[in-house]
Amino acid sequence: MEKTTRFFIHFWLAATIAAFIYSFYRIYLNGWDREKSNLFVAGLVLIWYLFRRAMYLRMKRNSGNTP
């Protein structure tokens, strides 16, 4: 299970980076006024990555406490 969790953490990190690169590229092409909504999706992906990472760290911290 830890390998799967680590895979998805890396997946969401890559998705976050890709989403921000795409958002900034679109903002560069069409301007801030037309493309600022693309940052909303990138922000959601960032929040999901941070959530997954926090749960992974919590799982690792609590895994040694089981009897």
PDB file of N, CA and C in Angstrom:
ATOM      1  N   MET A   1       0.825  -1.193   0.000  1.00  0.00           N
ATOM      2  CA  MET A   1       0.000   0.000   0.000  1.00  0.00           C
ATOM      3  C   MET A   1       0.870   1.258   0.000  1.00  0.00           C
ATOM      4  N   GLU A   2       2.026   1.186   0.627  1.00  0.00           N
ATOM      5  CA  GLU A   2       2.887   2.363   0.684  1.00  0.00           C
ATOM      6  C   GLU A   2       3.408   2.734  -0.702  1.00  0.00           C
ATOM      7  N   LYS A   3       3.686   1.727  -1.540  1.00  0.00           N
ATOM      8  CA  LYS A   3       4.158   2.026  -2.892  1.00  0.00           C
ATOM      9  C   LYS A   3       3.079   2.738  -3.702  1.00  0.00           C
ATOM     10  N   THR A   4       1.852   2.306  -3.549  1.00  0.00           N
ATOM     11  CA  THR A   4       0.738   2.938  -4.253  1.00  0.00           C
ATOM     12  C   THR A   4       0.562   4.381  -3.784  1.00  0.00           C
ATOM     13  N   THR A   5       0.627   4.581  -2.488  1.00  0.00           N
ATOM     14  CA  THR A   5       0.470   5.926  -1.939  1.00  0.00           C
ATOM     15  C   THR A   5       1.591   6.836  -2.409  1.00  0.00           C
ATOM     16  N   ARG A   6       2.806   6.347  -2.397  1.00  0.00           N
ATOM     17  CA  ARG A   6       3.932   7.150  -2.866  1.00  0.00           C
ATOM     18  C   ARG A   6       3.804   7.455  -4.356  1.00  0.00           C
ATOM     19  N   PHE A   7       3.315   6.481  -5.130  1.00  0.00           N
ATOM     20  CA  PHE A   7       3.094   6.730  -6.561  1.00  0.00           C
ATOM     21  C   PHE A   7       2.115   7.876  -6.759  1.00  0.00           C
ATOM     22  N   PHE A   8       1.005   7.852  -6.020  1.00  0.00           N
ATOM     23  CA  PHE A   8       0.002   8.899  -6.201  1.00  0.00           C
ATOM     24  C   PHE A   8       0.476  10.255  -5.689  1.00  0.00           C
ATOM     25  N   ILE A   9       1.333  10.270  -4.689  1.00  0.00           N
ATOM     26  CA  ILE A   9       1.905  11.537  -4.246  1.00  0.00           C
ATOM     27  C   ILE A   9       2.749  12.134  -5.366  1.00  0.00           C
ATOM     28  N   HIS A  10       3.572  11.305  -5.989  1.00  0.00           N
ATOM     29  CA  HIS A  10       4.381  11.792  -7.103  1.00  0.00           C
ATOM     30  C   HIS A  10       3.512  12.164  -8.309  1.00  0.00           C
ATOM     31  N   PHE A  11       2.458  11.408  -8.533  1.00  0.00           N
ATOM     32  CA  PHE A  11       1.537  11.725  -9.618  1.00  0.00           C
ATOM     33  C   PHE A  11       0.912  13.097  -9.412  1.00  0.00           C
ATOM     34  N   TRP A  12       0.417  13.373  -8.206  1.00  0.00           N
ATOM     35  CA  TRP A  12      -0.226  14.659  -7.962  1.00  0.00           C
ATOM     36  C   TRP A  12       0.779  15.799  -7.974  1.00  0.00           C
ATOM     37  N   LEU A  13       2.022  15.529  -7.585  1.00  0.00           N
ATOM     38  CA  LEU A  13       3.054  16.559  -7.694  1.00  0.00           C
ATOM     39  C   LEU A  13       3.304  16.898  -9.164  1.00  0.00           C
ATOM     40  N   ALA A  14       3.418  15.880 -10.002  1.00  0.00           N
ATOM     41  CA  ALA A  14       3.613  16.114 -11.433  1.00  0.00           C
ATOM     42  C   ALA A  14       2.404  16.818 -12.038  1.00  0.00           C
ATOM     43  N   ALA A  15       1.203  16.439 -11.625  1.00  0.00           N
ATOM     44  CA  ALA A  15      -0.007  17.083 -12.129  1.00  0.00           C
ATOM     45  C   ALA A  15      -0.061  18.549 -11.698  1.00  0.00           C
ATOM     46  N   THR A  16       0.387  18.840 -10.491  1.00  0.00           N
ATOM     47  CA  THR A  16       0.419  20.218 -10.006  1.00  0.00           C
ATOM     48  C   THR A  16       1.373  21.060 -10.837  1.00  0.00           C
ATOM     49  N   ILE A  17       2.565  20.536 -11.062  1.00  0.00           N
ATOM     50  CA  ILE A  17       3.543  21.273 -11.849  1.00  0.00           C
ATOM     51  C   ILE A  17       3.030  21.497 -13.267  1.00  0.00           C
ATOM     52  N   ALA A  18       2.455  20.448 -13.861  1.00  0.00           N
ATOM     53  CA  ALA A  18       1.927  20.567 -15.226  1.00  0.00           C
ATOM     54  C   ALA A  18       0.775  21.575 -15.290  1.00  0.00           C
ATOM     55  N   ALA A  19      -0.094  21.565 -14.306  1.00  0.00           N
ATOM     56  CA  ALA A  19      -1.231  22.484 -14.301  1.00  0.00           C
ATOM     57  C   ALA A  19      -0.774  23.933 -14.188  1.00  0.00           C
ATOM     58  N   PHE A  20       0.221  24.193 -13.342  1.00  0.00           N
ATOM     59  CA  PHE A  20       0.711  25.564 -13.217  1.00  0.00           C
ATOM     60  C   PHE A  20       1.452  26.009 -14.470  1.00  0.00           C
ATOM     61  N   ILE A  21       2.236  25.125 -15.058  1.00  0.00           N
ATOM     62  CA  ILE A  21       2.923  25.481 -16.297  1.00  0.00           C
ATOM     63  C   ILE A  21       1.905  25.806 -17.389  1.00  0.00           C
ATOM     64  N   TYR A  22       0.878  24.958 -17.521  1.00  0.00           N
ATOM     65  CA  TYR A  22      -0.156  25.205 -18.517  1.00  0.00           C
ATOM     66  C   TYR A  22      -0.888  26.522 -18.243  1.00  0.00           C
ATOM     67  N   SER A  23      -1.206  26.771 -16.985  1.00  0.00           N
ATOM     68  CA  SER A  23      -1.917  28.002 -16.639  1.00  0.00           C
ATOM     69  C   SER A  23      -1.095  29.239 -16.986  1.00  0.00           C
ATOM     70  N   PHE A  24       0.176  29.224 -16.613  1.00  0.00           N
ATOM     71  CA  PHE A  24       1.017  30.385 -16.903  1.00  0.00           C
ATOM     72  C   PHE A  24       1.252  30.539 -18.400  1.00  0.00           C
ATOM     73  N   TYR A  25       1.334  29.435 -19.113  1.00  0.00           N
ATOM     74  CA  TYR A  25       1.474  29.504 -20.569  1.00  0.00           C
ATOM     75  C   TYR A  25       0.251  30.159 -21.210  1.00  0.00           C
ATOM     76  N   ARG A  26      -0.935  29.728 -20.769  1.00  0.00           N
ATOM     77  CA  ARG A  26      -2.171  30.314 -21.305  1.00  0.00           C
ATOM     78  C   ARG A  26      -2.283  31.797 -20.933  1.00  0.00           C
ATOM     79  N   ILE A  27      -1.869  32.152 -19.720  1.00  0.00           N
ATOM     80  CA  ILE A  27      -1.894  33.552 -19.313  1.00  0.00           C
ATOM     81  C   ILE A  27      -0.921  34.361 -20.166  1.00  0.00           C
ATOM     82  N   TYR A  28       0.222  33.795 -20.464  1.00  0.00           N
ATOM     83  CA  TYR A  28       1.208  34.475 -21.315  1.00  0.00           C
ATOM     84  C   TYR A  28       0.653  34.697 -22.728  1.00  0.00           C
ATOM     85  N   LEU A  29      -0.042  33.687 -23.258  1.00  0.00           N
ATOM     86  CA  LEU A  29      -0.568  33.801 -24.623  1.00  0.00           C
ATOM     87  C   LEU A  29      -1.730  34.777 -24.741  1.00  0.00           C
ATOM     88  N   ASN A  30      -2.701  34.646 -23.854  1.00  0.00           N
ATOM     89  CA  ASN A  30      -3.959  35.379 -24.010  1.00  0.00           C
ATOM     90  C   ASN A  30      -4.186  36.501 -23.003  1.00  0.00           C
ATOM     91  N   GLY A  31      -3.295  36.662 -22.069  1.00  0.00           N
ATOM     92  CA  GLY A  31      -3.453  37.734 -21.095  1.00  0.00           C
ATOM     93  C   GLY A  31      -4.167  37.282 -19.829  1.00  0.00           C
ATOM     94  N   TRP A  32      -3.958  38.072 -18.796  1.00  0.00           N
ATOM     95  CA  TRP A  32      -4.484  37.759 -17.476  1.00  0.00           C
ATOM     96  C   TRP A  32      -6.014  37.781 -17.442  1.00  0.00           C
ATOM     97  N   ASP A  33      -6.597  38.744 -18.095  1.00  0.00           N
ATOM     98  CA  ASP A  33      -8.052  38.921 -18.030  1.00  0.00           C
ATOM     99  C   ASP A  33      -8.823  37.729 -18.596  1.00  0.00           C
ATOM    100  N   ARG A  34      -8.313  37.125 -19.643  1.00  0.00           N
ATOM    101  CA  ARG A  34      -9.022  36.006 -20.279  1.00  0.00           C
ATOM    102  C   ARG A  34      -8.710  34.654 -19.643  1.00  0.00           C
ATOM    103  N   GLU A  35      -7.541  34.483 -19.041  1.00  0.00           N
ATOM    104  CA  GLU A  35      -7.097  33.156 -18.616  1.00  0.00           C
ATOM    105  C   GLU A  35      -6.851  33.002 -17.123  1.00  0.00           C
ATOM    106  N   LYS A  36      -7.238  33.971 -16.323  1.00  0.00           N
ATOM    107  CA  LYS A  36      -6.976  33.856 -14.884  1.00  0.00           C
ATOM    108  C   LYS A  36      -7.749  32.711 -14.237  1.00  0.00           C
ATOM    109  N   SER A  37      -8.832  32.268 -14.845  1.00  0.00           N
ATOM    110  CA  SER A  37      -9.604  31.158 -14.273  1.00  0.00           C
ATOM    111  C   SER A  37      -8.853  29.831 -14.345  1.00  0.00           C
ATOM    112  N   ASN A  38      -7.841  29.719 -15.209  1.00  0.00           N
ATOM    113  CA  ASN A  38      -7.042  28.500 -15.266  1.00  0.00           C
ATOM    114  C   ASN A  38      -6.281  28.253 -13.969  1.00  0.00           C
ATOM    115  N   LEU A  39      -5.983  29.302 -13.233  1.00  0.00           N
ATOM    116  CA  LEU A  39      -5.277  29.134 -11.966  1.00  0.00           C
ATOM    117  C   LEU A  39      -6.151  28.452 -10.926  1.00  0.00           C
ATOM    118  N   PHE A  40      -7.461  28.517 -11.082  1.00  0.00           N
ATOM    119  CA  PHE A  40      -8.361  27.847 -10.148  1.00  0.00           C
ATOM    120  C   PHE A  40      -8.139  26.333 -10.185  1.00  0.00           C
ATOM    121  N   VAL A  41      -8.058  25.767 -11.358  1.00  0.00           N
ATOM    122  CA  VAL A  41      -7.834  24.325 -11.505  1.00  0.00           C
ATOM    123  C   VAL A  41      -6.464  23.952 -10.951  1.00  0.00           C
ATOM    124  N   ALA A  42      -5.460  24.757 -11.257  1.00  0.00           N
ATOM    125  CA  ALA A  42      -4.123  24.487 -10.737  1.00  0.00           C
ATOM    126  C   ALA A  42      -4.109  24.551  -9.207  1.00  0.00           C
ATOM    127  N   GLY A  43      -4.854  25.467  -8.649  1.00  0.00           N
ATOM    128  CA  GLY A  43      -4.962  25.558  -7.188  1.00  0.00           C
ATOM    129  C   GLY A  43      -5.630  24.342  -6.582  1.00  0.00           C
ATOM    130  N   LEU A  44      -6.672  23.839  -7.238  1.00  0.00           N
ATOM    131  CA  LEU A  44      -7.330  22.626  -6.751  1.00  0.00           C
ATOM    132  C   LEU A  44      -6.388  21.426  -6.770  1.00  0.00           C
ATOM    133  N   VAL A  45      -5.616  21.315  -7.829  1.00  0.00           N
ATOM    134  CA  VAL A  45      -4.660  20.211  -7.924  1.00  0.00           C
ATOM    135  C   VAL A  45      -3.599  20.344  -6.840  1.00  0.00           C
ATOM    136  N   LEU A  46      -3.150  21.563  -6.562  1.00  0.00           N
ATOM    137  CA  LEU A  46      -2.181  21.792  -5.494  1.00  0.00           C
ATOM    138  C   LEU A  46      -2.750  21.409  -4.134  1.00  0.00           C
ATOM    139  N   ILE A  47      -3.985  21.778  -3.883  1.00  0.00           N
ATOM    140  CA  ILE A  47      -4.621  21.420  -2.614  1.00  0.00           C
ATOM    141  C   ILE A  47      -4.734  19.908  -2.477  1.00  0.00           C
ATOM    142  N   TRP A  48      -5.077  19.221  -3.545  1.00  0.00           N
ATOM    143  CA  TRP A  48      -5.193  17.767  -3.502  1.00  0.00           C
ATOM    144  C   TRP A  48      -3.836  17.117  -3.232  1.00  0.00           C
ATOM    145  N   TYR A  49      -2.769  17.645  -3.860  1.00  0.00           N
ATOM    146  CA  TYR A  49      -1.428  17.131  -3.596  1.00  0.00           C
ATOM    147  C   TYR A  49      -1.055  17.316  -2.126  1.00  0.00           C
ATOM    148  N   LEU A  50      -1.290  18.506  -1.588  1.00  0.00           N
ATOM    149  CA  LEU A  50      -0.951  18.762  -0.191  1.00  0.00           C
ATOM    150  C   LEU A  50      -1.752  17.873   0.751  1.00  0.00           C
ATOM    151  N   PHE A  51      -3.015  17.632   0.415  1.00  0.00           N
ATOM    152  CA  PHE A  51      -3.853  16.748   1.225  1.00  0.00           C
ATOM    153  C   PHE A  51      -3.311  15.321   1.213  1.00  0.00           C
ATOM    154  N   ARG A  52      -2.984  14.806   0.017  1.00  0.00           N
ATOM    155  CA  ARG A  52      -2.455  13.444  -0.091  1.00  0.00           C
ATOM    156  C   ARG A  52      -1.138  13.300   0.668  1.00  0.00           C
ATOM    157  N   ARG A  53      -0.281  14.309   0.553  1.00  0.00           N
ATOM    158  CA  ARG A  53       1.013  14.256   1.232  1.00  0.00           C
ATOM    159  C   ARG A  53       0.837  14.294   2.745  1.00  0.00           C
ATOM    160  N   ALA A  54      -0.068  15.131   3.228  1.00  0.00           N
ATOM    161  CA  ALA A  54      -0.319  15.199   4.670  1.00  0.00           C
ATOM    162  C   ALA A  54      -0.865  13.869   5.192  1.00  0.00           C
ATOM    163  N   MET A  55      -1.752  13.240   4.444  1.00  0.00           N
ATOM    164  CA  MET A  55      -2.284  11.948   4.867  1.00  0.00           C
ATOM    165  C   MET A  55      -1.206  10.869   4.856  1.00  0.00           C
ATOM    166  N   TYR A  56      -0.297  10.926   3.885  1.00  0.00           N
ATOM    167  CA  TYR A  56       0.806   9.971   3.825  1.00  0.00           C
ATOM    168  C   TYR A  56       1.725  10.134   5.031  1.00  0.00           C
ATOM    169  N   LEU A  57       2.076  11.378   5.353  1.00  0.00           N
ATOM    170  CA  LEU A  57       2.936  11.614   6.507  1.00  0.00           C
ATOM    171  C   LEU A  57       2.255  11.202   7.802  1.00  0.00           C
ATOM    172  N   ARG A  58       0.963  11.431   7.890  1.00  0.00           N
ATOM    173  CA  ARG A  58       0.202  11.019   9.065  1.00  0.00           C
ATOM    174  C   ARG A  58       0.172   9.502   9.175  1.00  0.00           C
ATOM    175  N   MET A  59      -0.012   8.820   8.041  1.00  0.00           N
ATOM    176  CA  MET A  59      -0.037   7.365   8.026  1.00  0.00           C
ATOM    177  C   MET A  59       1.326   6.803   8.470  1.00  0.00           C
ATOM    178  N   LYS A  60       2.414   7.393   7.980  1.00  0.00           N
ATOM    179  CA  LYS A  60       3.738   6.936   8.372  1.00  0.00           C
ATOM    180  C   LYS A  60       3.989   7.164   9.851  1.00  0.00           C
ATOM    181  N   ARG A  61       3.559   8.292  10.368  1.00  0.00           N
ATOM    182  CA  ARG A  61       3.772   8.611  11.768  1.00  0.00           C
ATOM    183  C   ARG A  61       3.001   7.663  12.678  1.00  0.00           C
ATOM    184  N   ASN A  62       1.786   7.295  12.281  1.00  0.00           N
ATOM    185  CA  ASN A  62       0.936   6.460  13.119  1.00  0.00           C
ATOM    186  C   ASN A  62       1.129   4.973  12.882  1.00  0.00           C
ATOM    187  N   SER A  63       1.899   4.579  11.879  1.00  0.00           N
ATOM    188  CA  SER A  63       2.041   3.157  11.582  1.00  0.00           C
ATOM    189  C   SER A  63       2.838   2.425  12.635  1.00  0.00           C
ATOM    190  N   GLY A  64       3.704   3.069  13.360  1.00  0.00           N
ATOM    191  CA  GLY A  64       4.499   2.429  14.398  1.00  0.00           C
ATOM    192  C   GLY A  64       3.748   2.265  15.702  1.00  0.00           C
ATOM    193  N   ASN A  65       2.567   2.842  15.830  1.00  0.00           N
ATOM    194  CA  ASN A  65       1.813   2.809  17.088  1.00  0.00           C
ATOM    195  C   ASN A  65       0.826   1.656  17.170  1.00  0.00           C
ATOM    196  N   THR A  66       0.748   0.803  16.151  1.00  0.00           N
ATOM    197  CA  THR A  66      -0.205  -0.298  16.189  1.00  0.00           C
ATOM    198  C   THR A  66       0.366  -1.448  17.001  1.00  0.00           C
ATOM    199  N   PRO A  67      -0.477  -2.147  17.783  1.00  0.00           N
ATOM    200  CA  PRO A  67       0.024  -3.258  18.613  1.00  0.00           C
ATOM    201  C   PRO A  67       0.353  -4.493  17.828  1.00  0.00           C
TER     202      PRO A  67
END
